[in-house]
Structures are given as C-alpha cells and as structure tokens.
Protein backbone atom coordinates (compact mmCIF):
# COMPACT_ATOMS: atom_id res chain seq x y z
CA MET A 1 -119.41 -160.76 -73.88
CA THR A 2 -121.77 -158.32 -75.64
CA THR A 3 -123.82 -159.71 -78.53
CA ILE A 4 -124.77 -157.28 -81.30
CA THR A 5 -127.90 -158.59 -83.02
CA LEU A 6 -128.06 -156.88 -86.38
CA PHE A 7 -131.49 -156.71 -88.02
CA GLY A 8 -131.03 -155.77 -91.67
CA SER A 9 -127.62 -157.43 -91.87
CA THR A 10 -127.79 -157.87 -95.66
CA GLY A 11 -128.67 -154.23 -96.35
CA ASP A 12 -126.52 -151.45 -97.75
CA LEU A 13 -125.99 -149.77 -94.37
CA SER A 14 -124.64 -152.95 -92.80
CA TYR A 15 -122.49 -153.71 -95.83
CA ARG A 16 -120.91 -150.26 -96.20
CA LYS A 17 -120.90 -148.88 -92.64
CA LEU A 18 -121.75 -151.16 -89.73
CA LEU A 19 -119.72 -154.27 -90.53
CA PRO A 20 -116.57 -152.32 -91.56
CA ALA A 21 -116.90 -150.35 -88.30
CA LEU A 22 -117.18 -153.56 -86.28
CA TYR A 23 -114.19 -155.01 -88.13
CA ASN A 24 -112.14 -151.91 -87.25
CA MET A 25 -113.18 -152.19 -83.61
CA TYR A 26 -112.14 -155.84 -83.54
CA SER A 27 -108.83 -155.05 -85.28
CA ASN A 28 -108.00 -152.54 -82.55
CA SER A 29 -109.02 -155.03 -79.84
CA GLN A 30 -110.94 -152.26 -78.10
CA THR A 31 -114.14 -154.16 -77.35
CA ASP A 32 -115.26 -157.76 -76.92
CA PHE A 33 -118.36 -158.72 -78.87
CA GLN A 34 -120.00 -161.24 -81.16
CA ILE A 35 -122.48 -160.61 -83.98
CA ILE A 36 -125.77 -162.28 -84.84
CA ALA A 37 -126.56 -161.20 -88.41
CA ILE A 38 -130.30 -161.48 -89.06
CA GLY A 39 -131.61 -161.51 -92.62
CA ARG A 40 -134.30 -162.96 -94.88
CA LYS A 41 -131.89 -164.36 -97.47
CA ASP A 42 -131.22 -168.09 -97.53
CA TYR A 43 -127.58 -167.91 -96.45
CA THR A 44 -125.43 -170.12 -94.33
CA THR A 45 -123.00 -168.35 -92.01
CA LYS A 46 -120.22 -169.24 -94.46
CA ASP A 47 -122.20 -167.71 -97.37
CA TYR A 48 -122.79 -164.54 -95.39
CA ILE A 49 -119.15 -164.12 -94.40
CA GLN A 50 -118.07 -164.51 -98.04
CA THR A 51 -120.64 -161.87 -99.03
CA ILE A 52 -119.54 -159.24 -96.50
CA GLN A 53 -115.80 -159.66 -97.05
CA THR A 54 -115.84 -157.49 -100.18
CA GLY A 55 -117.58 -154.63 -98.37
CA ILE A 56 -115.19 -154.77 -95.45
CA GLN A 57 -112.19 -154.77 -97.79
CA GLU A 58 -113.55 -151.73 -99.63
CA TYR A 59 -114.86 -149.64 -96.75
CA THR A 60 -112.64 -150.45 -93.77
CA ARG A 61 -110.66 -147.53 -92.34
CA LEU A 62 -107.75 -149.79 -91.45
CA ALA A 63 -105.76 -151.91 -93.87
CA PHE A 64 -107.57 -155.18 -94.51
CA ASP A 65 -105.81 -158.16 -92.96
CA GLU A 66 -106.83 -161.67 -94.06
CA GLU A 67 -105.88 -163.28 -90.75
CA ILE A 68 -107.71 -160.69 -88.67
CA PHE A 69 -110.79 -161.11 -90.87
CA LYS A 70 -110.74 -164.88 -90.33
CA LYS A 71 -110.72 -164.37 -86.56
CA PHE A 72 -113.38 -161.65 -86.84
CA SER A 73 -115.62 -163.91 -88.95
CA LYS A 74 -115.57 -166.59 -86.25
CA ARG A 75 -117.55 -164.16 -84.09
CA ILE A 76 -120.38 -163.96 -86.65
CA ILE A 77 -123.48 -166.17 -86.81
CA TYR A 78 -125.97 -165.69 -89.64
CA TYR A 79 -129.57 -166.33 -88.62
CA GLN A 80 -132.27 -166.48 -91.30
CA MET A 81 -135.54 -165.00 -90.13
CA ASP A 82 -138.84 -163.68 -91.44
CA LEU A 83 -139.34 -160.45 -89.49
CA THR A 84 -143.07 -160.39 -90.29
CA ASN A 85 -143.76 -163.86 -88.82
CA LYS A 86 -144.44 -163.95 -85.06
CA ASN A 87 -143.41 -167.59 -84.83
CA SER A 88 -139.93 -166.56 -86.01
CA TYR A 89 -139.41 -164.68 -82.74
CA VAL A 90 -140.42 -167.74 -80.68
CA GLN A 91 -137.77 -169.74 -82.53
CA PHE A 92 -135.25 -166.93 -82.17
CA ASN A 93 -135.88 -166.83 -78.42
CA GLU A 94 -134.98 -170.52 -78.23
CA PHE A 95 -131.83 -169.85 -80.24
CA ILE A 96 -130.79 -167.09 -77.80
CA LYS A 97 -131.24 -169.45 -74.86
CA GLN A 98 -129.21 -172.16 -76.61
CA GLN A 99 -126.39 -169.67 -77.18
CA ASN A 100 -126.60 -168.54 -73.53
CA ILE A 101 -126.67 -164.88 -74.57
CA GLN A 102 -127.02 -162.48 -71.62
CA ASP A 103 -125.93 -159.00 -72.79
CA GLN A 104 -127.55 -158.11 -76.10
CA ILE A 105 -127.74 -155.00 -78.29
CA PHE A 106 -130.48 -155.05 -80.93
CA TYR A 107 -129.56 -152.83 -83.90
CA LEU A 108 -132.50 -152.05 -86.20
CA ALA A 109 -130.83 -151.16 -89.52
CA LEU A 110 -134.21 -151.40 -91.21
CA SER A 111 -136.77 -149.42 -93.12
CA PRO A 112 -139.26 -147.89 -90.63
CA GLN A 113 -142.05 -149.96 -92.19
CA PHE A 114 -140.62 -152.96 -90.27
CA PHE A 115 -140.13 -151.22 -86.92
CA HIS A 116 -143.58 -152.00 -85.53
CA GLN A 117 -143.44 -155.70 -86.37
CA VAL A 118 -139.91 -156.08 -85.00
CA ILE A 119 -140.75 -154.27 -81.76
CA GLU A 120 -143.79 -156.50 -81.26
CA GLY A 121 -141.52 -159.48 -81.91
CA LEU A 122 -138.93 -158.29 -79.40
CA LYS A 123 -141.63 -158.32 -76.70
CA MET A 124 -141.73 -162.11 -77.10
CA LEU A 125 -138.07 -162.54 -76.09
CA ASP A 126 -137.14 -163.50 -72.53
CA HIS A 127 -135.63 -160.78 -70.34
CA ILE A 128 -135.74 -158.31 -73.24
CA GLU A 129 -135.93 -155.30 -70.89
CA LYS A 130 -132.35 -155.91 -69.71
CA ASN A 131 -130.98 -155.34 -73.20
CA ARG A 132 -130.44 -152.27 -75.40
CA VAL A 133 -131.86 -151.26 -78.77
CA VAL A 134 -130.44 -148.94 -81.43
CA ILE A 135 -132.81 -147.31 -83.94
CA GLU A 136 -131.46 -146.12 -87.29
CA LYS A 137 -132.95 -143.12 -89.09
CA PRO A 138 -135.51 -142.48 -90.41
CA PHE A 139 -137.11 -143.06 -87.04
CA GLY A 140 -140.58 -143.38 -88.53
CA GLU A 141 -142.53 -142.43 -91.62
CA SER A 142 -144.03 -139.32 -89.97
CA THR A 143 -144.01 -137.46 -86.67
CA GLU A 144 -147.09 -139.42 -85.61
CA ASP A 145 -145.40 -142.70 -86.54
CA MET A 146 -142.24 -141.73 -84.62
CA ASN A 147 -144.32 -141.07 -81.52
CA LEU A 148 -146.02 -144.45 -81.79
CA ILE A 149 -142.71 -146.29 -82.29
CA ASN A 150 -141.18 -144.51 -79.30
CA GLN A 151 -144.20 -145.37 -77.13
CA LYS A 152 -143.93 -149.05 -78.06
CA LEU A 153 -140.21 -149.09 -77.33
CA LYS A 154 -140.73 -147.46 -73.93
CA GLU A 155 -143.18 -150.22 -73.03
CA ILE A 156 -140.18 -152.57 -73.20
CA PHE A 157 -137.04 -150.52 -72.51
CA GLU A 158 -136.00 -147.83 -70.05
CA ASP A 159 -134.88 -144.53 -71.61
CA ASP A 160 -131.21 -145.26 -70.97
CA HIS A 161 -131.53 -148.48 -73.00
CA LEU A 162 -132.83 -146.63 -76.11
CA TYR A 163 -130.40 -145.21 -78.67
CA TYR A 164 -131.58 -143.04 -81.57
CA ILE A 165 -128.54 -142.91 -83.81
CA ASP A 166 -127.48 -140.03 -86.06
CA HIS A 167 -124.07 -140.90 -87.45
CA TYR A 168 -123.22 -137.24 -88.09
CA LEU A 169 -122.89 -136.86 -84.31
CA GLY A 170 -120.07 -139.39 -84.45
CA LYS A 171 -118.05 -137.46 -87.04
CA GLU A 172 -114.76 -136.15 -85.71
CA MET A 173 -115.14 -132.54 -86.84
CA VAL A 174 -118.80 -132.28 -85.77
CA GLN A 175 -117.67 -133.18 -82.26
CA ASN A 176 -114.75 -130.76 -82.67
CA ILE A 177 -117.15 -127.82 -83.09
CA LYS A 178 -117.65 -127.71 -79.32
CA THR A 179 -113.90 -127.59 -78.68
CA ILE A 180 -113.38 -124.85 -81.28
CA ARG A 181 -116.24 -122.79 -79.83
CA PHE A 182 -115.77 -123.22 -76.11
CA LYS A 183 -112.02 -123.83 -75.64
CA ASN A 184 -110.70 -120.84 -77.59
CA ALA A 185 -111.09 -117.34 -76.12
CA LEU A 186 -110.69 -115.99 -79.66
CA PHE A 187 -114.04 -117.53 -80.65
CA LYS A 188 -115.89 -118.05 -77.37
CA SER A 189 -116.25 -114.34 -76.65
CA ASN A 190 -117.20 -113.51 -80.26
CA TRP A 191 -119.71 -116.30 -80.95
CA ASN A 192 -122.87 -114.15 -81.12
CA GLN A 193 -124.94 -111.88 -83.35
CA ASP A 194 -122.76 -108.85 -82.60
CA MET A 195 -119.73 -110.47 -84.19
CA ILE A 196 -121.13 -113.09 -86.62
CA GLU A 197 -122.79 -111.97 -89.85
CA SER A 198 -123.96 -115.37 -91.10
CA ILE A 199 -123.53 -119.13 -90.79
CA GLN A 200 -123.42 -121.37 -93.86
CA ILE A 201 -123.71 -125.16 -93.79
CA SER A 202 -123.14 -127.22 -96.95
CA ALA A 203 -123.62 -130.98 -97.34
CA LEU A 204 -123.01 -131.79 -100.99
CA GLU A 205 -122.97 -135.17 -102.75
CA LYS A 206 -121.84 -136.21 -106.24
CA ASP A 207 -123.87 -139.43 -106.34
CA GLY A 208 -127.58 -139.66 -107.02
CA ILE A 209 -129.94 -141.76 -104.93
CA LEU A 210 -128.25 -144.97 -106.15
CA ASN A 211 -130.68 -147.84 -105.49
CA ARG A 212 -132.66 -146.12 -102.72
CA GLY A 213 -135.57 -144.86 -104.82
CA ALA A 214 -138.35 -146.34 -102.68
CA TYR A 215 -136.87 -144.79 -99.53
CA TYR A 216 -136.05 -141.44 -101.10
CA GLU A 217 -139.54 -140.98 -102.54
CA LYS A 218 -140.82 -140.94 -98.93
CA SER A 219 -138.09 -138.73 -97.50
CA GLY A 220 -136.55 -136.34 -100.02
CA ALA A 221 -133.60 -134.13 -99.13
CA LEU A 222 -135.46 -132.34 -96.32
CA LYS A 223 -136.19 -135.45 -94.26
CA ASP A 224 -133.11 -137.38 -95.32
CA MET A 225 -130.53 -134.68 -94.53
CA VAL A 226 -131.93 -131.43 -93.10
CA GLN A 227 -134.28 -132.83 -90.46
CA ASN A 228 -131.62 -135.05 -88.92
CA HIS A 229 -127.99 -134.39 -89.75
CA ILE A 230 -127.95 -130.70 -90.60
CA PHE A 231 -130.25 -129.51 -87.81
CA GLN A 232 -127.93 -131.35 -85.41
CA ILE A 233 -125.01 -129.33 -86.75
CA VAL A 234 -127.05 -126.12 -86.42
CA THR A 235 -127.77 -126.81 -82.76
CA ILE A 236 -124.15 -127.65 -81.91
CA LEU A 237 -123.03 -124.44 -83.62
CA THR A 238 -125.48 -122.24 -81.71
CA MET A 239 -126.33 -123.92 -78.38
CA GLU A 240 -125.30 -122.47 -75.05
CA GLU A 241 -122.51 -124.11 -73.13
CA GLN A 242 -124.07 -126.17 -70.35
CA LYS A 243 -123.80 -129.59 -68.77
CA ASN A 244 -126.92 -131.05 -70.41
CA GLN A 245 -126.15 -130.79 -74.12
CA HIS A 246 -129.49 -132.34 -75.17
CA GLU A 247 -131.44 -129.62 -73.34
CA ALA A 248 -129.28 -126.93 -74.93
CA GLN A 249 -129.82 -128.37 -78.42
CA LEU A 250 -133.55 -128.80 -77.86
CA ASP A 251 -133.84 -125.16 -76.79
CA ILE A 252 -132.33 -124.07 -80.13
CA LEU A 253 -134.75 -126.29 -82.08
CA HIS A 254 -137.72 -124.77 -80.24
CA HIS A 255 -136.61 -121.30 -81.47
CA LEU A 256 -135.50 -122.29 -84.99
CA HIS A 257 -137.62 -120.89 -87.80
CA VAL A 258 -137.37 -121.41 -91.58
CA GLU A 259 -137.64 -118.03 -93.34
CA LYS A 260 -137.05 -118.97 -97.00
CA MET A 261 -136.58 -122.14 -99.01
CA ILE A 262 -135.94 -123.37 -102.53
CA LEU A 263 -136.01 -126.99 -103.66
CA GLY A 264 -134.54 -128.77 -106.65
CA GLN A 265 -134.63 -132.15 -108.37
CA TYR A 266 -131.73 -133.45 -110.44
CA LYS A 267 -132.28 -134.18 -114.10
CA GLY A 268 -132.97 -137.87 -114.57
CA TYR A 269 -134.33 -138.47 -111.06
CA LYS A 270 -137.73 -139.52 -112.42
CA GLN A 271 -136.03 -142.29 -114.41
CA GLU A 272 -134.40 -143.82 -111.32
CA LYS A 273 -135.58 -147.25 -110.11
CA ASN A 274 -138.67 -147.16 -107.82
CA VAL A 275 -139.26 -143.45 -108.51
CA SER A 276 -142.62 -142.19 -109.77
CA PRO A 277 -142.50 -140.64 -113.29
CA ASP A 278 -144.53 -137.76 -111.86
CA SER A 279 -142.41 -137.34 -108.72
CA THR A 280 -142.04 -133.92 -107.11
CA THR A 281 -139.58 -135.21 -104.50
CA GLU A 282 -136.71 -132.81 -103.84
CA THR A 283 -133.10 -133.99 -104.18
CA TYR A 284 -131.76 -130.51 -103.33
CA ALA A 285 -132.83 -128.19 -100.52
CA GLU A 286 -131.63 -124.71 -99.63
CA LEU A 287 -133.00 -122.90 -96.58
CA GLU A 288 -132.52 -119.62 -94.77
CA CYS A 289 -133.25 -120.07 -91.06
CA ARG A 290 -133.26 -117.81 -88.01
CA ILE A 291 -133.06 -118.56 -84.32
CA GLN A 292 -135.64 -116.34 -82.68
CA LYS A 293 -133.81 -115.72 -79.42
CA LYS A 294 -130.66 -114.00 -78.24
CA PRO A 295 -127.82 -114.07 -79.11
CA TRP A 296 -128.76 -115.17 -82.66
CA GLU A 297 -131.81 -113.14 -83.73
CA ASN A 298 -130.01 -111.17 -86.46
CA VAL A 299 -127.89 -114.01 -87.87
CA PRO A 300 -129.15 -115.85 -90.97
CA ILE A 301 -128.26 -119.54 -91.08
CA PHE A 302 -128.03 -120.78 -94.65
CA ILE A 303 -128.33 -124.51 -95.30
CA ARG A 304 -127.87 -126.36 -98.57
CA THR A 305 -127.76 -130.05 -99.32
CA GLY A 306 -128.27 -132.10 -102.44
CA LYS A 307 -127.37 -135.01 -104.64
CA LYS A 308 -125.82 -135.15 -108.13
CA LEU A 309 -123.83 -131.96 -107.51
CA ASN A 310 -120.34 -131.14 -108.77
CA ARG A 311 -118.50 -132.35 -105.67
CA ARG A 312 -118.76 -134.31 -102.42
CA GLU A 313 -118.13 -132.12 -99.40
CA ILE A 314 -119.52 -131.20 -95.97
CA TYR A 315 -118.37 -127.97 -94.33
CA VAL A 316 -119.43 -125.00 -92.20
CA VAL A 317 -118.44 -121.37 -92.78
CA ILE A 318 -118.73 -118.74 -90.05
CA LYS A 319 -118.66 -115.27 -91.61
CA PHE A 320 -117.68 -112.62 -89.07
CA ARG A 321 -118.88 -109.03 -89.40
CA SER A 322 -116.87 -106.32 -91.12
CA PHE A 323 -117.16 -102.99 -89.30
CA ASP A 324 -115.22 -100.70 -91.64
CA GLY A 325 -115.53 -102.25 -95.08
CA SER A 326 -112.49 -104.50 -94.71
CA PRO A 327 -112.79 -108.13 -95.89
CA ASN A 328 -114.72 -110.43 -93.57
CA ASN A 329 -112.89 -112.82 -91.31
CA LEU A 330 -113.93 -116.41 -92.15
CA LEU A 331 -113.75 -119.60 -90.14
CA GLU A 332 -114.40 -122.83 -92.00
CA ILE A 333 -114.83 -126.19 -90.29
CA LYS A 334 -114.20 -128.95 -92.82
CA ILE A 335 -116.14 -132.09 -91.91
CA GLN A 336 -115.90 -134.42 -94.93
CA PRO A 337 -114.04 -135.76 -96.87
CA THR A 338 -111.20 -133.53 -95.64
CA GLU A 339 -111.20 -132.83 -91.91
CA GLY A 340 -109.70 -129.57 -90.70
CA VAL A 341 -110.05 -125.87 -89.94
CA TYR A 342 -109.48 -122.84 -92.18
CA LEU A 343 -109.16 -119.28 -90.86
CA GLN A 344 -109.06 -116.17 -93.05
CA PHE A 345 -108.03 -112.82 -91.54
CA ASN A 346 -106.57 -109.46 -92.59
CA ILE A 347 -103.08 -107.96 -92.50
CA LYS A 348 -101.42 -104.92 -94.02
CA LYS A 349 -100.03 -105.63 -97.46
CA PRO A 350 -96.21 -105.29 -97.42
CA GLN A 351 -94.80 -102.09 -98.94
CA GLU A 352 -98.23 -100.67 -99.66
CA LYS A 353 -99.66 -97.87 -97.54
CA ASN A 354 -102.89 -98.79 -95.76
CA GLU A 355 -103.70 -101.59 -98.22
CA ILE A 356 -105.17 -104.74 -96.70
CA GLN A 357 -104.73 -108.28 -97.90
CA THR A 358 -106.35 -111.46 -96.63
CA VAL A 359 -104.18 -114.33 -95.42
CA LYS A 360 -105.12 -117.78 -94.25
CA MET A 361 -104.28 -120.53 -91.85
CA ASP A 362 -105.33 -123.90 -93.25
CA PHE A 363 -105.03 -126.89 -90.94
CA CYS A 364 -105.77 -130.24 -92.56
CA GLN A 365 -106.21 -132.74 -89.74
CA SER A 366 -106.90 -135.73 -92.02
CA CYS A 367 -103.85 -135.02 -94.19
CA LEU A 368 -101.69 -136.47 -91.40
CA GLU A 369 -101.45 -140.26 -91.64
CA VAL A 370 -101.33 -140.68 -87.88
CA ASN A 371 -104.68 -138.87 -87.59
CA ARG A 372 -106.29 -140.94 -90.35
CA ILE A 373 -105.19 -144.15 -88.64
CA ASN A 374 -106.21 -143.11 -85.13
CA THR A 375 -109.49 -141.32 -85.87
CA PRO A 376 -112.45 -143.72 -85.64
CA GLN A 377 -115.19 -143.56 -88.24
CA ALA A 378 -118.54 -142.23 -87.06
CA TYR A 379 -120.17 -145.64 -86.65
CA GLU A 380 -117.15 -146.99 -84.77
CA ARG A 381 -117.43 -144.20 -82.22
CA LEU A 382 -121.18 -144.64 -81.84
CA LEU A 383 -121.12 -148.43 -81.53
CA LYS A 384 -118.47 -148.16 -78.83
CA GLU A 385 -120.69 -145.68 -76.98
CA VAL A 386 -123.62 -148.11 -77.03
CA ILE A 387 -121.45 -150.93 -75.70
CA ARG A 388 -120.26 -148.56 -72.93
CA ASN A 389 -123.86 -147.55 -72.11
CA SER A 390 -123.14 -143.90 -72.97
CA HIS A 391 -125.61 -141.48 -74.63
CA GLU A 392 -123.19 -138.60 -75.19
CA TYR A 393 -123.22 -138.84 -79.01
CA PHE A 394 -126.90 -139.68 -79.45
CA SER A 395 -129.98 -137.56 -80.08
CA SER A 396 -132.76 -137.38 -77.54
CA PHE A 397 -136.21 -138.36 -78.79
CA GLU A 398 -137.47 -134.84 -78.03
CA GLU A 399 -134.88 -133.40 -80.43
CA ILE A 400 -135.90 -135.84 -83.15
CA LEU A 401 -139.59 -135.09 -82.70
CA THR A 402 -139.09 -131.30 -82.70
CA SER A 403 -136.96 -131.45 -85.87
CA SER A 404 -139.55 -133.63 -87.57
CA ARG A 405 -142.39 -131.25 -86.73
CA LEU A 406 -140.37 -128.32 -87.99
CA ILE A 407 -139.91 -129.97 -91.40
CA GLU A 408 -143.48 -131.26 -91.65
CA GLU A 409 -144.88 -127.76 -91.03
CA ILE A 410 -142.94 -126.25 -93.95
CA GLU A 411 -144.97 -125.44 -97.07
CA LYS A 412 -142.82 -126.97 -99.81
CA PRO A 413 -142.40 -125.11 -103.13
CA GLU A 414 -142.27 -126.94 -106.46
CA PRO A 415 -138.69 -128.15 -107.14
CA PHE A 416 -136.75 -126.80 -110.14
CA ILE A 417 -134.67 -129.12 -112.33
CA TYR A 418 -130.88 -128.92 -112.10
CA GLU A 419 -127.85 -130.67 -113.54
CA ASN A 420 -124.58 -130.81 -111.52
CA GLN A 421 -124.61 -127.13 -110.52
CA ILE A 422 -127.26 -124.97 -108.84
CA GLU A 423 -128.07 -121.62 -110.44
CA ASN A 424 -130.99 -120.68 -108.18
CA SER A 425 -129.80 -119.66 -104.71
CA LEU A 426 -130.83 -117.79 -101.57
CA THR A 427 -127.36 -116.39 -100.88
CA ASP A 428 -123.86 -115.91 -102.26
CA TRP A 429 -122.22 -119.07 -101.01
CA ILE A 430 -118.67 -118.74 -99.78
CA GLU A 431 -116.42 -121.12 -101.70
CA ILE A 432 -112.99 -121.16 -100.05
CA PRO A 433 -110.03 -122.30 -102.17
CA HIS A 434 -107.82 -124.76 -100.29
CA THR A 435 -104.26 -125.82 -100.90
CA LEU A 436 -103.47 -128.42 -98.24
CA ASP A 437 -106.25 -130.82 -99.15
CA LYS A 438 -105.65 -130.97 -102.89
C-alpha cells in the first residue's frame, strides 16, 4: 500500500484541495493508500479527523457520505512534528519502521522557507531514495533558491522520483487544449500566425488574498499566477506537436518575450493582514507577450490575471484573422468555473442581401451532470499520476527555472490602484456573452 506523507497537513491547501481530492479518490476506490498527516499543532488523530471533516464536506466533488468518511478516516494517522528540529526526523524514522512503511510519497505542501530544513531532514530517513517527493509551488523564493532546492533534492532522489506540481496542468480543459488543437483538422491546419490574429488568456478572481498576506507580499500576481499557471497555458497553446511535451514547452519558453506590462493593486490591499502599509506588490498583472520564432512571431499573446475583480473565471480566446473586414471567428476555451468550448463564426443573414451575421456554437461540458460526476478535480488527477509513477501532467524543472528567470528579468512598473474593474488596459479584451452556463 502507498503511504502519502503530507507535510503541511493543517494548512489551507491540504484543507481545501488535497484532503478532499484524496477523499474523492477513496470514494471511487481507484487507488489504495494511507495518509500520514504531519503538523506542528498539538492534535490527536481523532482531533485532526474532526478538523478536516468540515473542509471535505465543503470542497469534495462527490456527495459527502458519512460512512465512507469513517472508513476513509481510518486510513489517516496524525503525527505531530517540529520540522525545524533534526531530532524530530530521527523519531519519525523510528515511527516509519514501526509502521512497516515501504512505499512512501512525501508531499511538501509548505512555504518554501521550510523546504531546505525538510529536505535535510528527509536525508536522515532510511531508504529515502526509494520513495517519491512532490513539491508544491512556489518552488523557492527566487531562481537561485529554486536551483539550490533542486540540487539538494537530486542528491537524494532520481529525476523520475521528483514531482514539481502545477495544479493547472491537472485541469480538464487545460488538458483538452491539446485535443482541440491536434485532433481537429479545422484547427490543426490553421493554428499559426497566418490565421490567428491574437491569443488572450484571462484568469480572474473575485476574492482578495484572504489570509495569505505574508506569502503574497513575496510573490505578487506575477510569481503567483503568471510565472507558473499562465505560462504553462501559453506553452500548451503554442507548442509544436511532438512526443516529448516538456521539450516542446521549454522551447516556447526560451523564445517567449514580454513586450508590455501594466500592474495594479486592489484598493484596501495595504490594510490586509501581514501586508506592509507601504507595499507596492501587484495583485493584478496584464502583459503583452510575443514568441520570437515561427509560426508565432506576429501574434500578440495577451495575459491578464488579478484578485478582487468583478468575477471568477479562467478562459482562453483565440481570435482568428479577418481578411475582408468580416467579423473575426473566435474560439473560446472555458477552463473555470464553467468547462466548455465556444465557437463564433459567420453566416449570411436570412432575407438580407450580402449581410453577414455571427452565430455561435456553445458547448458546456460541465453543465452535464454525468461530466461533473466523472471529471476528477485537478489534484485528484495529479495525485493519481504520482501514485502511478507518471510525469505526464507535471512540469520539468527546466520549465520552472526558465519561467522564473523570465519573470525576474522584467522591470516592474509601479502598480495603479483599482476597485473591482480595471480601466487601464493593453488591449480590447474580448468578453463573450454565454447562454448555456448562466
């Protein structure tokens, strides 16, 4: 049986994402595992299970079942541990031997400030090199720090035992981009600068930073969203079709260049907990990028992401060229919260001579109950991949490092102050009205 050892088991990520995902996996009886939940808080296993039940009830994809949860909870052991104390790892090693644990996945759902100490602690465990480790973003506090963390990990683990997780790569419609691009002749032959006028990627959030002020002050919107999640979407949208997807994505990142940028900060951010009253941290970022190689040299890629905006939505719009002044064809890939595909094209308006009207096909995948039930959440898909020893949905370290360098080299302008809506903009953003997802 696989043991998932969860460092940071009392944190927000575990509460809202990881434990509900593991509960869903157990409910579907798809994998066999147990959980060691490691935390600093003075909990018993019973205390911990009572604490996580609320989060699982709220965030599970499947209907919560009391009996299933009772069985699931029997697979959980809470282990109190001081991650900064080396002696704690000696004691933990004894605990592992007592439990006769052989196949172990270490999941570091931690702030990067703890990575170095935990990695040094892992070196003290018997037969550690046979196990796997999952690193949660941010993968370090800087490019230099990421390099050092990766070097330390490689002293213990082989490359195929290291997993750098970006949960956007587990999202259903992000994975669907490849199918839409490469399995439809309609798009495959027209996916280039001759036929595409622009690409727009939006990742919008209604909430503020919630209680993550200390983290957000170090990251901002650029490192939190653009460097990881959105650049991954850019590479999947523009990479060449080849067997080694990581090499194809890395090639795009090597040729990606930021042409223009504006930054914003939502009104009231400086009053958030653990935020400096003089903070210049951006909570909104809008970029115009170019890929400086064929077939994308003349196609602007517009990116925007931010918090405290007027809606929560992630989507991509491909704007095809208009050659005779007729309305542009549009393809929208809806990623979150609605999953689906929208296509806008032109026909002749009935009973009117030579007058064109736009019509649409709007497929809402997540509107169908059977799809909602059968589509795993991002963390479910990724955790299953780790258990199966697969790297298909994970970033390579080279991709992470290249993205980080790209962001660190940008000269950041002073952020403007905004409230709910953004008035400053680099482009006219395409806002497509939908009917099926209302």
